Amino acid sequence: MIKGLGIDIAEISRVKQIYGRHPRFLEKILNADEIEVFNSLNTEKAKMTYLTGRFSVKEAFTKAMGTGLVGIGFHDLSVLNHPSGQPFIKTELFKGNIHVSISDTDELVITEVILEEEEK
């Protein structure tokens, strides 16, 4: 059964601007595993798209939970990728299935998170 749906859209240029003014923004949004991936990326564009995507997924997750950022921190979940490239969320905040999608253009990242409770 679907418990929640969250969708978010973010401008890559806006996140890049915030990161440029506040480099600690990276550490506020990403945890150690995500920062490791960020640092392995070869271009600024790839890094900013990655950072924007992770920020957007975490926003979408809080919307799906129905809480917004109240009581949920950015480090309470990790947005990683399977070897196939498919993103997944690792967290203790939700025990069911978490479905996540990240799409981007040159300017925008859109994300969707579906929380599915297991049948009882």
PDB file of N, CA and C in Angstrom:
ATOM      1  N   MET A   1       0.834  -1.165   0.000  1.00  0.00           N
ATOM      2  CA  MET A   1       0.000   0.000   0.000  1.00  0.00           C
ATOM      3  C   MET A   1       0.894   1.249   0.000  1.00  0.00           C
ATOM      4  N   ILE A   2       0.540   2.231  -0.808  1.00  0.00           N
ATOM      5  CA  ILE A   2       1.303   3.473  -0.895  1.00  0.00           C
ATOM      6  C   ILE A   2       1.054   4.301   0.361  1.00  0.00           C
ATOM      7  N   LYS A   3       2.134   4.665   1.042  1.00  0.00           N
ATOM      8  CA  LYS A   3       2.026   5.511   2.233  1.00  0.00           C
ATOM      9  C   LYS A   3       2.229   6.968   1.880  1.00  0.00           C
ATOM     10  N   GLY A   4       3.096   7.227   0.905  1.00  0.00           N
ATOM     11  CA  GLY A   4       3.373   8.617   0.559  1.00  0.00           C
ATOM     12  C   GLY A   4       4.039   8.768  -0.784  1.00  0.00           C
ATOM     13  N   LEU A   5       3.845   9.950  -1.353  1.00  0.00           N
ATOM     14  CA  LEU A   5       4.441  10.319  -2.633  1.00  0.00           C
ATOM     15  C   LEU A   5       5.027  11.710  -2.477  1.00  0.00           C
ATOM     16  N   GLY A   6       6.263  11.875  -2.879  1.00  0.00           N
ATOM     17  CA  GLY A   6       6.903  13.185  -2.842  1.00  0.00           C
ATOM     18  C   GLY A   6       7.591  13.470  -4.157  1.00  0.00           C
ATOM     19  N   ILE A   7       7.409  14.684  -4.643  1.00  0.00           N
ATOM     20  CA  ILE A   7       8.038  15.117  -5.884  1.00  0.00           C
ATOM     21  C   ILE A   7       8.728  16.442  -5.611  1.00  0.00           C
ATOM     22  N   ASP A   8       9.901  16.624  -6.196  1.00  0.00           N
ATOM     23  CA  ASP A   8      10.625  17.882  -6.028  1.00  0.00           C
ATOM     24  C   ASP A   8      11.310  18.229  -7.336  1.00  0.00           C
ATOM     25  N   ILE A   9      11.448  19.506  -7.580  1.00  0.00           N
ATOM     26  CA  ILE A   9      12.193  19.996  -8.736  1.00  0.00           C
ATOM     27  C   ILE A   9      13.154  21.064  -8.232  1.00  0.00           C
ATOM     28  N   ALA A  10      14.381  21.043  -8.722  1.00  0.00           N
ATOM     29  CA  ALA A  10      15.397  21.992  -8.256  1.00  0.00           C
ATOM     30  C   ALA A  10      16.224  22.476  -9.437  1.00  0.00           C
ATOM     31  N   GLU A  11      16.614  23.740  -9.359  1.00  0.00           N
ATOM     32  CA  GLU A  11      17.461  24.340 -10.382  1.00  0.00           C
ATOM     33  C   GLU A  11      18.929  24.092 -10.046  1.00  0.00           C
ATOM     34  N   ILE A  12      19.652  23.523 -10.977  1.00  0.00           N
ATOM     35  CA  ILE A  12      21.071  23.242 -10.770  1.00  0.00           C
ATOM     36  C   ILE A  12      21.837  24.540 -10.524  1.00  0.00           C
ATOM     37  N   SER A  13      21.511  25.600 -11.256  1.00  0.00           N
ATOM     38  CA  SER A  13      22.221  26.871 -11.097  1.00  0.00           C
ATOM     39  C   SER A  13      22.017  27.472  -9.706  1.00  0.00           C
ATOM     40  N   ARG A  14      20.845  27.279  -9.130  1.00  0.00           N
ATOM     41  CA  ARG A  14      20.577  27.802  -7.784  1.00  0.00           C
ATOM     42  C   ARG A  14      21.413  27.061  -6.737  1.00  0.00           C
ATOM     43  N   VAL A  15      21.476  25.736  -6.853  1.00  0.00           N
ATOM     44  CA  VAL A  15      22.288  24.952  -5.923  1.00  0.00           C
ATOM     45  C   VAL A  15      23.768  25.301  -6.106  1.00  0.00           C
ATOM     46  N   LYS A  16      24.198  25.471  -7.338  1.00  0.00           N
ATOM     47  CA  LYS A  16      25.590  25.850  -7.615  1.00  0.00           C
ATOM     48  C   LYS A  16      25.909  27.203  -6.972  1.00  0.00           C
ATOM     49  N   GLN A  17      24.977  28.132  -7.061  1.00  0.00           N
ATOM     50  CA  GLN A  17      25.163  29.459  -6.472  1.00  0.00           C
ATOM     51  C   GLN A  17      25.275  29.372  -4.943  1.00  0.00           C
ATOM     52  N   ILE A  18      24.403  28.595  -4.322  1.00  0.00           N
ATOM     53  CA  ILE A  18      24.445  28.420  -2.868  1.00  0.00           C
ATOM     54  C   ILE A  18      25.767  27.767  -2.458  1.00  0.00           C
ATOM     55  N   TYR A  19      26.164  26.716  -3.177  1.00  0.00           N
ATOM     56  CA  TYR A  19      27.422  26.026  -2.880  1.00  0.00           C
ATOM     57  C   TYR A  19      28.620  26.963  -3.047  1.00  0.00           C
ATOM     58  N   GLY A  20      28.576  27.814  -4.065  1.00  0.00           N
ATOM     59  CA  GLY A  20      29.669  28.764  -4.291  1.00  0.00           C
ATOM     60  C   GLY A  20      29.814  29.765  -3.157  1.00  0.00           C
ATOM     61  N   ARG A  21      28.695  30.180  -2.579  1.00  0.00           N
ATOM     62  CA  ARG A  21      28.720  31.141  -1.467  1.00  0.00           C
ATOM     63  C   ARG A  21      28.976  30.468  -0.121  1.00  0.00           C
ATOM     64  N   HIS A  22      28.525  29.217   0.002  1.00  0.00           N
ATOM     65  CA  HIS A  22      28.615  28.490   1.266  1.00  0.00           C
ATOM     66  C   HIS A  22      29.133  27.069   1.016  1.00  0.00           C
ATOM     67  N   PRO A  23      30.438  26.873   0.900  1.00  0.00           N
ATOM     68  CA  PRO A  23      30.983  25.545   0.612  1.00  0.00           C
ATOM     69  C   PRO A  23      30.570  24.475   1.626  1.00  0.00           C
ATOM     70  N   ARG A  24      30.239  24.867   2.859  1.00  0.00           N
ATOM     71  CA  ARG A  24      29.796  23.887   3.857  1.00  0.00           C
ATOM     72  C   ARG A  24      28.402  23.346   3.542  1.00  0.00           C
ATOM     73  N   PHE A  25      27.732  23.944   2.566  1.00  0.00           N
ATOM     74  CA  PHE A  25      26.430  23.444   2.113  1.00  0.00           C
ATOM     75  C   PHE A  25      26.541  21.972   1.717  1.00  0.00           C
ATOM     76  N   LEU A  26      27.667  21.618   1.112  1.00  0.00           N
ATOM     77  CA  LEU A  26      27.912  20.237   0.700  1.00  0.00           C
ATOM     78  C   LEU A  26      27.815  19.295   1.896  1.00  0.00           C
ATOM     79  N   GLU A  27      28.492  19.633   2.974  1.00  0.00           N
ATOM     80  CA  GLU A  27      28.499  18.794   4.170  1.00  0.00           C
ATOM     81  C   GLU A  27      27.161  18.817   4.906  1.00  0.00           C
ATOM     82  N   LYS A  28      26.399  19.870   4.720  1.00  0.00           N
ATOM     83  CA  LYS A  28      25.068  19.950   5.334  1.00  0.00           C
ATOM     84  C   LYS A  28      24.097  18.995   4.640  1.00  0.00           C
ATOM     85  N   ILE A  29      24.231  18.856   3.325  1.00  0.00           N
ATOM     86  CA  ILE A  29      23.290  18.067   2.528  1.00  0.00           C
ATOM     87  C   ILE A  29      23.746  16.616   2.395  1.00  0.00           C
ATOM     88  N   LEU A  30      25.027  16.390   2.122  1.00  0.00           N
ATOM     89  CA  LEU A  30      25.525  15.046   1.833  1.00  0.00           C
ATOM     90  C   LEU A  30      26.213  14.433   3.044  1.00  0.00           C
ATOM     91  N   ASN A  31      26.080  13.117   3.182  1.00  0.00           N
ATOM     92  CA  ASN A  31      26.821  12.399   4.220  1.00  0.00           C
ATOM     93  C   ASN A  31      28.148  11.910   3.625  1.00  0.00           C
ATOM     94  N   ALA A  32      28.947  11.230   4.420  1.00  0.00           N
ATOM     95  CA  ALA A  32      30.300  10.827   3.996  1.00  0.00           C
ATOM     96  C   ALA A  32      30.290   9.962   2.732  1.00  0.00           C
ATOM     97  N   ASP A  33      29.368   8.995   2.634  1.00  0.00           N
ATOM     98  CA  ASP A  33      29.311   8.137   1.443  1.00  0.00           C
ATOM     99  C   ASP A  33      28.976   8.946   0.197  1.00  0.00           C
ATOM    100  N   GLU A  34      28.051   9.882   0.337  1.00  0.00           N
ATOM    101  CA  GLU A  34      27.653  10.709  -0.808  1.00  0.00           C
ATOM    102  C   GLU A  34      28.765  11.678  -1.197  1.00  0.00           C
ATOM    103  N   ILE A  35      29.471  12.215  -0.219  1.00  0.00           N
ATOM    104  CA  ILE A  35      30.593  13.125  -0.510  1.00  0.00           C
ATOM    105  C   ILE A  35      31.703  12.380  -1.249  1.00  0.00           C
ATOM    106  N   GLU A  36      31.904  11.119  -0.897  1.00  0.00           N
ATOM    107  CA  GLU A  36      32.909  10.318  -1.600  1.00  0.00           C
ATOM    108  C   GLU A  36      32.567  10.209  -3.091  1.00  0.00           C
ATOM    109  N   VAL A  37      31.297   9.965  -3.401  1.00  0.00           N
ATOM    110  CA  VAL A  37      30.862   9.903  -4.797  1.00  0.00           C
ATOM    111  C   VAL A  37      31.025  11.278  -5.447  1.00  0.00           C
ATOM    112  N   PHE A  38      30.582  12.326  -4.777  1.00  0.00           N
ATOM    113  CA  PHE A  38      30.703  13.705  -5.280  1.00  0.00           C
ATOM    114  C   PHE A  38      32.151  13.998  -5.668  1.00  0.00           C
ATOM    115  N   ASN A  39      33.081  13.677  -4.779  1.00  0.00           N
ATOM    116  CA  ASN A  39      34.502  13.963  -5.028  1.00  0.00           C
ATOM    117  C   ASN A  39      35.083  13.126  -6.163  1.00  0.00           C
ATOM    118  N   SER A  40      34.454  11.998  -6.486  1.00  0.00           N
ATOM    119  CA  SER A  40      34.968  11.146  -7.565  1.00  0.00           C
ATOM    120  C   SER A  40      34.521  11.630  -8.950  1.00  0.00           C
ATOM    121  N   LEU A  41      33.578  12.541  -8.997  1.00  0.00           N
ATOM    122  CA  LEU A  41      33.070  13.027 -10.288  1.00  0.00           C
ATOM    123  C   LEU A  41      34.084  13.964 -10.920  1.00  0.00           C
ATOM    124  N   ASN A  42      34.172  13.916 -12.257  1.00  0.00           N
ATOM    125  CA  ASN A  42      35.255  14.597 -12.961  1.00  0.00           C
ATOM    126  C   ASN A  42      34.978  16.030 -13.372  1.00  0.00           C
ATOM    127  N   THR A  43      33.714  16.415 -13.492  1.00  0.00           N
ATOM    128  CA  THR A  43      33.421  17.764 -13.966  1.00  0.00           C
ATOM    129  C   THR A  43      32.564  18.512 -12.952  1.00  0.00           C
ATOM    130  N   GLU A  44      32.667  19.830 -13.005  1.00  0.00           N
ATOM    131  CA  GLU A  44      31.837  20.665 -12.125  1.00  0.00           C
ATOM    132  C   GLU A  44      30.360  20.441 -12.422  1.00  0.00           C
ATOM    133  N   LYS A  45      30.020  20.304 -13.688  1.00  0.00           N
ATOM    134  CA  LYS A  45      28.625  20.071 -14.065  1.00  0.00           C
ATOM    135  C   LYS A  45      28.100  18.773 -13.446  1.00  0.00           C
ATOM    136  N   ALA A  46      28.887  17.710 -13.524  1.00  0.00           N
ATOM    137  CA  ALA A  46      28.474  16.433 -12.940  1.00  0.00           C
ATOM    138  C   ALA A  46      28.322  16.565 -11.423  1.00  0.00           C
ATOM    139  N   LYS A  47      29.244  17.286 -10.789  1.00  0.00           N
ATOM    140  CA  LYS A  47      29.177  17.470  -9.337  1.00  0.00           C
ATOM    141  C   LYS A  47      27.937  18.261  -8.940  1.00  0.00           C
ATOM    142  N   MET A  48      27.640  19.333  -9.666  1.00  0.00           N
ATOM    143  CA  MET A  48      26.486  20.161  -9.321  1.00  0.00           C
ATOM    144  C   MET A  48      25.166  19.436  -9.603  1.00  0.00           C
ATOM    145  N   THR A  49      25.133  18.645 -10.656  1.00  0.00           N
ATOM    146  CA  THR A  49      23.936  17.849 -10.946  1.00  0.00           C
ATOM    147  C   THR A  49      23.734  16.797  -9.859  1.00  0.00           C
ATOM    148  N   TYR A  50      24.804  16.167  -9.425  1.00  0.00           N
ATOM    149  CA  TYR A  50      24.743  15.166  -8.352  1.00  0.00           C
ATOM    150  C   TYR A  50      24.257  15.804  -7.050  1.00  0.00           C
ATOM    151  N   LEU A  51      24.857  16.923  -6.659  1.00  0.00           N
ATOM    152  CA  LEU A  51      24.472  17.606  -5.426  1.00  0.00           C
ATOM    153  C   LEU A  51      23.008  18.052  -5.487  1.00  0.00           C
ATOM    154  N   THR A  52      22.606  18.599  -6.602  1.00  0.00           N
ATOM    155  CA  THR A  52      21.218  19.043  -6.765  1.00  0.00           C
ATOM    156  C   THR A  52      20.275  17.855  -6.677  1.00  0.00           C
ATOM    157  N   GLY A  53      20.637  16.743  -7.300  1.00  0.00           N
ATOM    158  CA  GLY A  53      19.801  15.542  -7.267  1.00  0.00           C
ATOM    159  C   GLY A  53      19.632  15.001  -5.868  1.00  0.00           C
ATOM    160  N   ARG A  54      20.714  14.950  -5.108  1.00  0.00           N
ATOM    161  CA  ARG A  54      20.624  14.427  -3.733  1.00  0.00           C
ATOM    162  C   ARG A  54      19.801  15.361  -2.860  1.00  0.00           C
ATOM    163  N   PHE A  55      19.998  16.660  -3.012  1.00  0.00           N
ATOM    164  CA  PHE A  55      19.199  17.635  -2.279  1.00  0.00           C
ATOM    165  C   PHE A  55      17.713  17.454  -2.614  1.00  0.00           C
ATOM    166  N   SER A  56      17.411  17.323  -3.887  1.00  0.00           N
ATOM    167  CA  SER A  56      16.028  17.190  -4.342  1.00  0.00           C
ATOM    168  C   SER A  56      15.379  15.892  -3.868  1.00  0.00           C
ATOM    169  N   VAL A  57      16.115  14.782  -3.907  1.00  0.00           N
ATOM    170  CA  VAL A  57      15.576  13.501  -3.423  1.00  0.00           C
ATOM    171  C   VAL A  57      15.237  13.598  -1.939  1.00  0.00           C
ATOM    172  N   LYS A  58      16.113  14.212  -1.180  1.00  0.00           N
ATOM    173  CA  LYS A  58      15.868  14.317   0.259  1.00  0.00           C
ATOM    174  C   LYS A  58      14.649  15.194   0.539  1.00  0.00           C
ATOM    175  N   GLU A  59      14.468  16.241  -0.241  1.00  0.00           N
ATOM    176  CA  GLU A  59      13.256  17.065  -0.138  1.00  0.00           C
ATOM    177  C   GLU A  59      12.024  16.236  -0.498  1.00  0.00           C
ATOM    178  N   ALA A  60      12.097  15.486  -1.585  1.00  0.00           N
ATOM    179  CA  ALA A  60      10.964  14.658  -2.009  1.00  0.00           C
ATOM    180  C   ALA A  60      10.635  13.605  -0.959  1.00  0.00           C
ATOM    181  N   PHE A  61      11.649  13.039  -0.321  1.00  0.00           N
ATOM    182  CA  PHE A  61      11.426  12.045   0.727  1.00  0.00           C
ATOM    183  C   PHE A  61      10.641  12.658   1.887  1.00  0.00           C
ATOM    184  N   THR A  62      11.030  13.857   2.319  1.00  0.00           N
ATOM    185  CA  THR A  62      10.321  14.482   3.435  1.00  0.00           C
ATOM    186  C   THR A  62       8.875  14.793   3.068  1.00  0.00           C
ATOM    187  N   LYS A  63       8.641  15.107   1.814  1.00  0.00           N
ATOM    188  CA  LYS A  63       7.264  15.333   1.349  1.00  0.00           C
ATOM    189  C   LYS A  63       6.472  14.026   1.369  1.00  0.00           C
ATOM    190  N   ALA A  64       7.101  12.956   0.935  1.00  0.00           N
ATOM    191  CA  ALA A  64       6.433  11.648   0.947  1.00  0.00           C
ATOM    192  C   ALA A  64       6.117  11.209   2.378  1.00  0.00           C
ATOM    193  N   MET A  65       6.985  11.539   3.303  1.00  0.00           N
ATOM    194  CA  MET A  65       6.763  11.210   4.713  1.00  0.00           C
ATOM    195  C   MET A  65       5.653  12.080   5.309  1.00  0.00           C
ATOM    196  N   GLY A  66       5.387  13.212   4.664  1.00  0.00           N
ATOM    197  CA  GLY A  66       4.341  14.114   5.145  1.00  0.00           C
ATOM    198  C   GLY A  66       4.797  15.037   6.253  1.00  0.00           C
ATOM    199  N   THR A  67       6.105  15.162   6.431  1.00  0.00           N
ATOM    200  CA  THR A  67       6.641  15.960   7.530  1.00  0.00           C
ATOM    201  C   THR A  67       7.344  17.229   7.076  1.00  0.00           C
ATOM    202  N   GLY A  68       7.761  17.285   5.825  1.00  0.00           N
ATOM    203  CA  GLY A  68       8.687  18.328   5.443  1.00  0.00           C
ATOM    204  C   GLY A  68       9.981  18.099   6.202  1.00  0.00           C
ATOM    205  N   LEU A  69      10.757  19.125   6.376  1.00  0.00           N
ATOM    206  CA  LEU A  69      12.049  18.969   7.047  1.00  0.00           C
ATOM    207  C   LEU A  69      11.949  18.954   8.567  1.00  0.00           C
ATOM    208  N   VAL A  70      10.737  19.033   9.089  1.00  0.00           N
ATOM    209  CA  VAL A  70      10.552  18.990  10.543  1.00  0.00           C
ATOM    210  C   VAL A  70      10.875  17.584  11.046  1.00  0.00           C
ATOM    211  N   GLY A  71      11.884  17.483  11.878  1.00  0.00           N
ATOM    212  CA  GLY A  71      12.236  16.202  12.479  1.00  0.00           C
ATOM    213  C   GLY A  71      13.051  15.271  11.597  1.00  0.00           C
ATOM    214  N   ILE A  72      13.345  15.674  10.374  1.00  0.00           N
ATOM    215  CA  ILE A  72      14.158  14.854   9.472  1.00  0.00           C
ATOM    216  C   ILE A  72      15.337  15.698   9.012  1.00  0.00           C
ATOM    217  N   GLY A  73      16.541  15.171   9.216  1.00  0.00           N
ATOM    218  CA  GLY A  73      17.737  15.869   8.766  1.00  0.00           C
ATOM    219  C   GLY A  73      18.253  15.272   7.462  1.00  0.00           C
ATOM    220  N   PHE A  74      19.021  16.051   6.741  1.00  0.00           N
ATOM    221  CA  PHE A  74      19.568  15.577   5.470  1.00  0.00           C
ATOM    222  C   PHE A  74      20.464  14.356   5.656  1.00  0.00           C
ATOM    223  N   HIS A  75      21.071  14.211   6.820  1.00  0.00           N
ATOM    224  CA  HIS A  75      21.959  13.070   7.060  1.00  0.00           C
ATOM    225  C   HIS A  75      21.205  11.845   7.558  1.00  0.00           C
ATOM    226  N   ASP A  76      19.889  11.961   7.714  1.00  0.00           N
ATOM    227  CA  ASP A  76      19.082  10.814   8.136  1.00  0.00           C
ATOM    228  C   ASP A  76      18.843   9.820   7.003  1.00  0.00           C
ATOM    229  N   LEU A  77      19.241  10.194   5.795  1.00  0.00           N
ATOM    230  CA  LEU A  77      19.125   9.264   4.681  1.00  0.00           C
ATOM    231  C   LEU A  77      20.289   9.432   3.728  1.00  0.00           C
ATOM    232  N   SER A  78      20.630   8.343   3.079  1.00  0.00           N
ATOM    233  CA  SER A  78      21.673   8.322   2.051  1.00  0.00           C
ATOM    234  C   SER A  78      21.019   8.006   0.719  1.00  0.00           C
ATOM    235  N   VAL A  79      21.410   8.748  -0.297  1.00  0.00           N
ATOM    236  CA  VAL A  79      20.929   8.473  -1.649  1.00  0.00           C
ATOM    237  C   VAL A  79      22.135   7.963  -2.429  1.00  0.00           C
ATOM    238  N   LEU A  80      22.125   6.674  -2.683  1.00  0.00           N
ATOM    239  CA  LEU A  80      23.246   6.007  -3.338  1.00  0.00           C
ATOM    240  C   LEU A  80      22.766   5.366  -4.633  1.00  0.00           C
ATOM    241  N   ASN A  81      23.636   4.678  -5.327  1.00  0.00           N
ATOM    242  CA  ASN A  81      23.275   4.011  -6.577  1.00  0.00           C
ATOM    243  C   ASN A  81      23.705   2.556  -6.543  1.00  0.00           C
ATOM    244  N   HIS A  82      22.835   1.709  -7.088  1.00  0.00           N
ATOM    245  CA  HIS A  82      23.202   0.321  -7.333  1.00  0.00           C
ATOM    246  C   HIS A  82      24.249   0.303  -8.451  1.00  0.00           C
ATOM    247  N   PRO A  83      24.981  -0.795  -8.625  1.00  0.00           N
ATOM    248  CA  PRO A  83      25.953  -0.882  -9.713  1.00  0.00           C
ATOM    249  C   PRO A  83      25.329  -0.588 -11.090  1.00  0.00           C
ATOM    250  N   SER A  84      24.044  -0.866 -11.235  1.00  0.00           N
ATOM    251  CA  SER A  84      23.357  -0.597 -12.502  1.00  0.00           C
ATOM    252  C   SER A  84      23.122   0.892 -12.734  1.00  0.00           C
ATOM    253  N   GLY A  85      23.311   1.706 -11.685  1.00  0.00           N
ATOM    254  CA  GLY A  85      23.066   3.140 -11.782  1.00  0.00           C
ATOM    255  C   GLY A  85      21.750   3.566 -11.147  1.00  0.00           C
ATOM    256  N   GLN A  86      20.876   2.616 -10.874  1.00  0.00           N
ATOM    257  CA  GLN A  86      19.577   2.927 -10.280  1.00  0.00           C
ATOM    258  C   GLN A  86      19.774   3.488  -8.867  1.00  0.00           C
ATOM    259  N   PRO A  87      19.165   4.657  -8.576  1.00  0.00           N
ATOM    260  CA  PRO A  87      19.312   5.217  -7.239  1.00  0.00           C
ATOM    261  C   PRO A  87      18.465   4.467  -6.213  1.00  0.00           C
ATOM    262  N   PHE A  88      18.939   4.505  -4.967  1.00  0.00           N
ATOM    263  CA  PHE A  88      18.147   3.966  -3.863  1.00  0.00           C
ATOM    264  C   PHE A  88      18.414   4.807  -2.623  1.00  0.00           C
ATOM    265  N   ILE A  89      17.468   4.739  -1.682  1.00  0.00           N
ATOM    266  CA  ILE A  89      17.585   5.480  -0.436  1.00  0.00           C
ATOM    267  C   ILE A  89      17.831   4.488   0.694  1.00  0.00           C
ATOM    268  N   LYS A  90      18.829   4.785   1.494  1.00  0.00           N
ATOM    269  CA  LYS A  90      19.135   3.994   2.680  1.00  0.00           C
ATOM    270  C   LYS A  90      18.799   4.860   3.897  1.00  0.00           C
ATOM    271  N   THR A  91      17.859   4.369   4.733  1.00  0.00           N
ATOM    272  CA  THR A  91      17.441   5.124   5.905  1.00  0.00           C
ATOM    273  C   THR A  91      16.774   4.214   6.919  1.00  0.00           C
ATOM    274  N   GLU A  92      16.771   4.639   8.152  1.00  0.00           N
ATOM    275  CA  GLU A  92      16.048   3.946   9.221  1.00  0.00           C
ATOM    276  C   GLU A  92      14.690   4.595   9.471  1.00  0.00           C
ATOM    277  N   LEU A  93      14.382   5.653   8.752  1.00  0.00           N
ATOM    278  CA  LEU A  93      13.152   6.413   8.992  1.00  0.00           C
ATOM    279  C   LEU A  93      11.896   5.743   8.451  1.00  0.00           C
ATOM    280  N   PHE A  94      12.067   4.833   7.484  1.00  0.00           N
ATOM    281  CA  PHE A  94      10.923   4.155   6.874  1.00  0.00           C
ATOM    282  C   PHE A  94      11.297   2.704   6.643  1.00  0.00           C
ATOM    283  N   LYS A  95      10.445   1.809   7.087  1.00  0.00           N
ATOM    284  CA  LYS A  95      10.765   0.375   7.039  1.00  0.00           C
ATOM    285  C   LYS A  95      10.247  -0.352   5.800  1.00  0.00           C
ATOM    286  N   GLY A  96       9.394   0.281   5.019  1.00  0.00           N
ATOM    287  CA  GLY A  96       8.849  -0.389   3.838  1.00  0.00           C
ATOM    288  C   GLY A  96       9.749  -0.218   2.628  1.00  0.00           C
ATOM    289  N   ASN A  97       9.158  -0.368   1.458  1.00  0.00           N
ATOM    290  CA  ASN A  97       9.885  -0.186   0.199  1.00  0.00           C
ATOM    291  C   ASN A  97       9.913   1.288  -0.167  1.00  0.00           C
ATOM    292  N   ILE A  98      11.071   1.733  -0.626  1.00  0.00           N
ATOM    293  CA  ILE A  98      11.233   3.119  -1.064  1.00  0.00           C
ATOM    294  C   ILE A  98      11.616   3.096  -2.536  1.00  0.00           C
ATOM    295  N   HIS A  99      10.800   3.727  -3.357  1.00  0.00           N
ATOM    296  CA  HIS A  99      11.065   3.824  -4.791  1.00  0.00           C
ATOM    297  C   HIS A  99      11.508   5.259  -5.075  1.00  0.00           C
ATOM    298  N   VAL A 100      12.580   5.417  -5.832  1.00  0.00           N
ATOM    299  CA  VAL A 100      13.108   6.751  -6.106  1.00  0.00           C
ATOM    300  C   VAL A 100      13.487   6.874  -7.573  1.00  0.00           C
ATOM    301  N   SER A 101      13.233   8.055  -8.123  1.00  0.00           N
ATOM    302  CA  SER A 101      13.615   8.347  -9.499  1.00  0.00           C
ATOM    303  C   SER A 101      14.240   9.740  -9.530  1.00  0.00           C
ATOM    304  N   ILE A 102      15.334   9.867 -10.275  1.00  0.00           N
ATOM    305  CA  ILE A 102      16.019  11.145 -10.450  1.00  0.00           C
ATOM    306  C   ILE A 102      16.184  11.372 -11.947  1.00  0.00           C
ATOM    307  N   SER A 103      15.715  12.508 -12.433  1.00  0.00           N
ATOM    308  CA  SER A 103      15.885  12.874 -13.840  1.00  0.00           C
ATOM    309  C   SER A 103      16.428  14.291 -13.901  1.00  0.00           C
ATOM    310  N   ASP A 104      17.231  14.575 -14.925  1.00  0.00           N
ATOM    311  CA  ASP A 104      17.779  15.922 -15.038  1.00  0.00           C
ATOM    312  C   ASP A 104      17.894  16.360 -16.482  1.00  0.00           C
ATOM    313  N   THR A 105      17.902  17.682 -16.633  1.00  0.00           N
ATOM    314  CA  THR A 105      18.215  18.335 -17.899  1.00  0.00           C
ATOM    315  C   THR A 105      19.463  19.173 -17.637  1.00  0.00           C
ATOM    316  N   ASP A 106      19.822  20.022 -18.566  1.00  0.00           N
ATOM    317  CA  ASP A 106      20.964  20.910 -18.335  1.00  0.00           C
ATOM    318  C   ASP A 106      20.691  21.892 -17.201  1.00  0.00           C
ATOM    319  N   GLU A 107      19.421  22.178 -16.920  1.00  0.00           N
ATOM    320  CA  GLU A 107      19.075  23.223 -15.963  1.00  0.00           C
ATOM    321  C   GLU A 107      18.364  22.730 -14.705  1.00  0.00           C
ATOM    322  N   LEU A 108      17.644  21.606 -14.800  1.00  0.00           N
ATOM    323  CA  LEU A 108      16.772  21.169 -13.719  1.00  0.00           C
ATOM    324  C   LEU A 108      17.002  19.715 -13.325  1.00  0.00           C
ATOM    325  N   VAL A 109      16.689  19.434 -12.077  1.00  0.00           N
ATOM    326  CA  VAL A 109      16.620  18.060 -11.594  1.00  0.00           C
ATOM    327  C   VAL A 109      15.226  17.870 -11.019  1.00  0.00           C
ATOM    328  N   ILE A 110      14.570  16.786 -11.396  1.00  0.00           N
ATOM    329  CA  ILE A 110      13.275  16.446 -10.831  1.00  0.00           C
ATOM    330  C   ILE A 110      13.394  15.070 -10.205  1.00  0.00           C
ATOM    331  N   THR A 111      12.809  14.937  -9.027  1.00  0.00           N
ATOM    332  CA  THR A 111      12.892  13.670  -8.308  1.00  0.00           C
ATOM    333  C   THR A 111      11.513  13.260  -7.816  1.00  0.00           C
ATOM    334  N   GLU A 112      11.364  11.960  -7.660  1.00  0.00           N
ATOM    335  CA  GLU A 112      10.121  11.407  -7.141  1.00  0.00           C
ATOM    336  C   GLU A 112      10.464  10.291  -6.165  1.00  0.00           C
ATOM    337  N   VAL A 113       9.750  10.280  -5.040  1.00  0.00           N
ATOM    338  CA  VAL A 113       9.924   9.236  -4.033  1.00  0.00           C
ATOM    339  C   VAL A 113       8.544   8.674  -3.708  1.00  0.00           C
ATOM    340  N   ILE A 114       8.426   7.356  -3.760  1.00  0.00           N
ATOM    341  CA  ILE A 114       7.189   6.671  -3.373  1.00  0.00           C
ATOM    342  C   ILE A 114       7.528   5.764  -2.203  1.00  0.00           C
ATOM    343  N   LEU A 115       6.767   5.921  -1.132  1.00  0.00           N
ATOM    344  CA  LEU A 115       6.925   5.064   0.050  1.00  0.00           C
ATOM    345  C   LEU A 115       5.808   4.039   0.039  1.00  0.00           C
ATOM    346  N   GLU A 116       6.204   2.782   0.103  1.00  0.00           N
ATOM    347  CA  GLU A 116       5.248   1.673   0.022  1.00  0.00           C
ATOM    348  C   GLU A 116       5.356   0.824   1.273  1.00  0.00           C
ATOM    349  N   GLU A 117       4.267   0.734   2.023  1.00  0.00           N
ATOM    350  CA  GLU A 117       4.248  -0.129   3.203  1.00  0.00           C
ATOM    351  C   GLU A 117       4.052  -1.562   2.757  1.00  0.00           C
ATOM    352  N   GLU A 118       4.712  -2.456   3.467  1.00  0.00           N
ATOM    353  CA  GLU A 118       4.540  -3.878   3.143  1.00  0.00           C
ATOM    354  C   GLU A 118       3.182  -4.358   3.635  1.00  0.00           C
ATOM    355  N   GLU A 119       2.586  -5.284   2.892  1.00  0.00           N
ATOM    356  CA  GLU A 119       1.276  -5.824   3.264  1.00  0.00           C
ATOM    357  C   GLU A 119       1.383  -6.547   4.609  1.00  0.00           C
ATOM    358  N   LYS A 120       0.379  -6.374   5.421  1.00  0.00           N
ATOM    359  CA  LYS A 120       0.375  -7.006   6.748  1.00  0.00           C
ATOM    360  C   LYS A 120      -0.383  -8.299   6.727  1.00  0.00           C
TER     361      LYS A 120
END
